Amino acid sequence: MTAPDPHAAPTLLDDDEDVFGTPSFEMLVRDGVPVVSGSYFMHPPLRAKSADWDPDRPGRLIVRASDDSIWTCDNVPLTGTVTACLHPVDAP
């Protein structure tokens, strides 16, 4: 039995196929440090390119995604570990 090629192109859904789940983009924050991110049920998948704290709004995390879109999450604690659900920022 041969192992699947980890570099193979992903299998994409047909336009008429249903995706089971709600599209979301999340960031894991551990003790105030953004650690890892990922999107679920979104195509193409997103990852964080950068993550910074908003200097004008304590507890607001600002994330630039791999597609250069901007996402935020409010009320993110600076201690402990939390999964922050990010929301897109509307373009001006």
C-alpha atoms as a PDB file:
ATOM      1  CA  MET A   1       0.000   0.000   0.000  1.00  0.00           C
ATOM      2  CA  THR A   2       1.471   3.370  -0.975  1.00  0.00           C
ATOM      3  CA  ALA A   3       1.044   6.514   1.118  1.00  0.00           C
ATOM      4  CA  PRO A   4      -0.805   9.447  -0.453  1.00  0.00           C
ATOM      5  CA  ASP A   5       1.390  12.175  -1.915  1.00  0.00           C
ATOM      6  CA  PRO A   6       1.417  15.049   0.644  1.00  0.00           C
ATOM      7  CA  HIS A   7       2.149  17.503  -2.181  1.00  0.00           C
ATOM      8  CA  ALA A   8      -0.783  16.489  -4.363  1.00  0.00           C
ATOM      9  CA  ALA A   9      -3.338  19.120  -5.329  1.00  0.00           C
ATOM     10  CA  PRO A  10      -6.330  19.248  -2.964  1.00  0.00           C
ATOM     11  CA  THR A  11      -9.618  17.774  -4.049  1.00  0.00           C
ATOM     12  CA  LEU A  12     -12.094  20.619  -4.466  1.00  0.00           C
ATOM     13  CA  LEU A  13     -15.850  20.422  -4.090  1.00  0.00           C
ATOM     14  CA  ASP A  14     -18.115  20.771  -7.088  1.00  0.00           C
ATOM     15  CA  ASP A  15     -20.222  23.939  -7.105  1.00  0.00           C
ATOM     16  CA  ASP A  16     -23.377  21.976  -6.293  1.00  0.00           C
ATOM     17  CA  GLU A  17     -21.885  20.097  -3.300  1.00  0.00           C
ATOM     18  CA  ASP A  18     -22.819  21.170   0.213  1.00  0.00           C
ATOM     19  CA  VAL A  19     -20.211  22.066   2.799  1.00  0.00           C
ATOM     20  CA  PHE A  20     -21.088  20.777   6.251  1.00  0.00           C
ATOM     21  CA  GLY A  21     -20.127  23.503   8.680  1.00  0.00           C
ATOM     22  CA  THR A  22     -20.103  27.241   9.118  1.00  0.00           C
ATOM     23  CA  PRO A  23     -17.252  29.158   7.494  1.00  0.00           C
ATOM     24  CA  SER A  24     -14.975  30.601  10.167  1.00  0.00           C
ATOM     25  CA  PHE A  25     -11.487  31.990  10.682  1.00  0.00           C
ATOM     26  CA  GLU A  26      -9.907  31.523  14.108  1.00  0.00           C
ATOM     27  CA  MET A  27      -6.705  32.459  15.932  1.00  0.00           C
ATOM     28  CA  LEU A  28      -5.298  30.630  18.947  1.00  0.00           C
ATOM     29  CA  VAL A  29      -3.929  33.154  21.488  1.00  0.00           C
ATOM     30  CA  ARG A  30      -1.794  31.977  24.403  1.00  0.00           C
ATOM     31  CA  ASP A  31      -0.940  34.511  27.124  1.00  0.00           C
ATOM     32  CA  GLY A  32      -1.385  37.457  24.767  1.00  0.00           C
ATOM     33  CA  VAL A  33       0.665  35.939  21.951  1.00  0.00           C
ATOM     34  CA  PRO A  34      -1.123  34.900  18.724  1.00  0.00           C
ATOM     35  CA  VAL A  35       0.115  31.360  18.120  1.00  0.00           C
ATOM     36  CA  VAL A  36      -1.596  29.750  15.151  1.00  0.00           C
ATOM     37  CA  SER A  37      -4.551  30.406  12.878  1.00  0.00           C
ATOM     38  CA  GLY A  38      -6.697  28.715  10.310  1.00  0.00           C
ATOM     39  CA  SER A  39      -9.982  28.855   8.501  1.00  0.00           C
ATOM     40  CA  TYR A  40     -12.574  26.135   8.365  1.00  0.00           C
ATOM     41  CA  PHE A  41     -14.996  25.407   5.544  1.00  0.00           C
ATOM     42  CA  MET A  42     -13.573  28.306   3.499  1.00  0.00           C
ATOM     43  CA  HIS A  43     -11.963  28.138   0.107  1.00  0.00           C
ATOM     44  CA  PRO A  44      -9.258  29.075  -0.330  1.00  0.00           C
ATOM     45  CA  PRO A  45      -8.180  28.385   3.266  1.00  0.00           C
ATOM     46  CA  LEU A  46      -6.819  31.376   5.197  1.00  0.00           C
ATOM     47  CA  ARG A  47      -3.876  31.667   7.571  1.00  0.00           C
ATOM     48  CA  ALA A  48      -2.580  34.678   9.472  1.00  0.00           C
ATOM     49  CA  LYS A  49       0.272  36.620   7.845  1.00  0.00           C
ATOM     50  CA  SER A  50       0.455  38.991  10.808  1.00  0.00           C
ATOM     51  CA  ALA A  51      -1.383  39.579  14.074  1.00  0.00           C
ATOM     52  CA  ASP A  52      -1.161  42.695  16.232  1.00  0.00           C
ATOM     53  CA  TRP A  53      -3.042  44.263  19.116  1.00  0.00           C
ATOM     54  CA  ASP A  54      -5.014  47.426  18.328  1.00  0.00           C
ATOM     55  CA  PRO A  55      -3.261  50.263  20.222  1.00  0.00           C
ATOM     56  CA  ASP A  56      -6.552  52.223  20.423  1.00  0.00           C
ATOM     57  CA  ARG A  57      -8.809  49.386  21.632  1.00  0.00           C
ATOM     58  CA  PRO A  58      -7.532  47.120  24.422  1.00  0.00           C
ATOM     59  CA  GLY A  59      -8.413  43.486  23.826  1.00  0.00           C
ATOM     60  CA  ARG A  60      -8.861  43.875  20.059  1.00  0.00           C
ATOM     61  CA  LEU A  61      -6.725  41.599  17.897  1.00  0.00           C
ATOM     62  CA  ILE A  62      -6.143  42.645  14.272  1.00  0.00           C
ATOM     63  CA  VAL A  63      -5.118  39.908  11.841  1.00  0.00           C
ATOM     64  CA  ARG A  64      -3.976  40.213   8.226  1.00  0.00           C
ATOM     65  CA  ALA A  65      -4.839  36.982   6.440  1.00  0.00           C
ATOM     66  CA  SER A  66      -2.895  35.178   3.744  1.00  0.00           C
ATOM     67  CA  ASP A  67      -5.156  36.775   1.102  1.00  0.00           C
ATOM     68  CA  ASP A  68      -4.386  40.266   2.571  1.00  0.00           C
ATOM     69  CA  SER A  69      -7.881  40.669   4.013  1.00  0.00           C
ATOM     70  CA  ILE A  70      -8.136  42.190   7.520  1.00  0.00           C
ATOM     71  CA  TRP A  71      -9.937  40.418  10.376  1.00  0.00           C
ATOM     72  CA  THR A  72     -10.553  41.379  14.020  1.00  0.00           C
ATOM     73  CA  CYS A  73     -11.727  39.966  17.310  1.00  0.00           C
ATOM     74  CA  ASP A  74     -12.706  41.994  20.394  1.00  0.00           C
ATOM     75  CA  ASN A  75     -12.446  41.132  24.093  1.00  0.00           C
ATOM     76  CA  VAL A  76      -9.513  38.752  23.650  1.00  0.00           C
ATOM     77  CA  PRO A  77      -7.921  38.078  27.065  1.00  0.00           C
ATOM     78  CA  LEU A  78      -4.191  38.575  27.500  1.00  0.00           C
ATOM     79  CA  THR A  79      -3.813  35.645  29.900  1.00  0.00           C
ATOM     80  CA  GLY A  80      -4.605  31.984  29.417  1.00  0.00           C
ATOM     81  CA  THR A  81      -5.398  30.308  26.127  1.00  0.00           C
ATOM     82  CA  VAL A  82      -8.355  31.255  23.947  1.00  0.00           C
ATOM     83  CA  THR A  83      -9.569  30.559  20.434  1.00  0.00           C
ATOM     84  CA  ALA A  84     -10.539  33.942  18.990  1.00  0.00           C
ATOM     85  CA  CYS A  85     -13.231  33.850  16.308  1.00  0.00           C
ATOM     86  CA  LEU A  86     -12.244  36.496  13.783  1.00  0.00           C
ATOM     87  CA  HIS A  87     -14.633  38.714  11.811  1.00  0.00           C
ATOM     88  CA  PRO A  88     -13.806  40.377   8.477  1.00  0.00           C
ATOM     89  CA  VAL A  89     -13.311  44.134   8.396  1.00  0.00           C
ATOM     90  CA  ASP A  90     -15.291  45.766   5.608  1.00  0.00           C
ATOM     91  CA  ALA A  91     -13.130  47.508   3.054  1.00  0.00           C
ATOM     92  CA  PRO A  92     -13.637  51.298   2.966  1.00  0.00           C
END
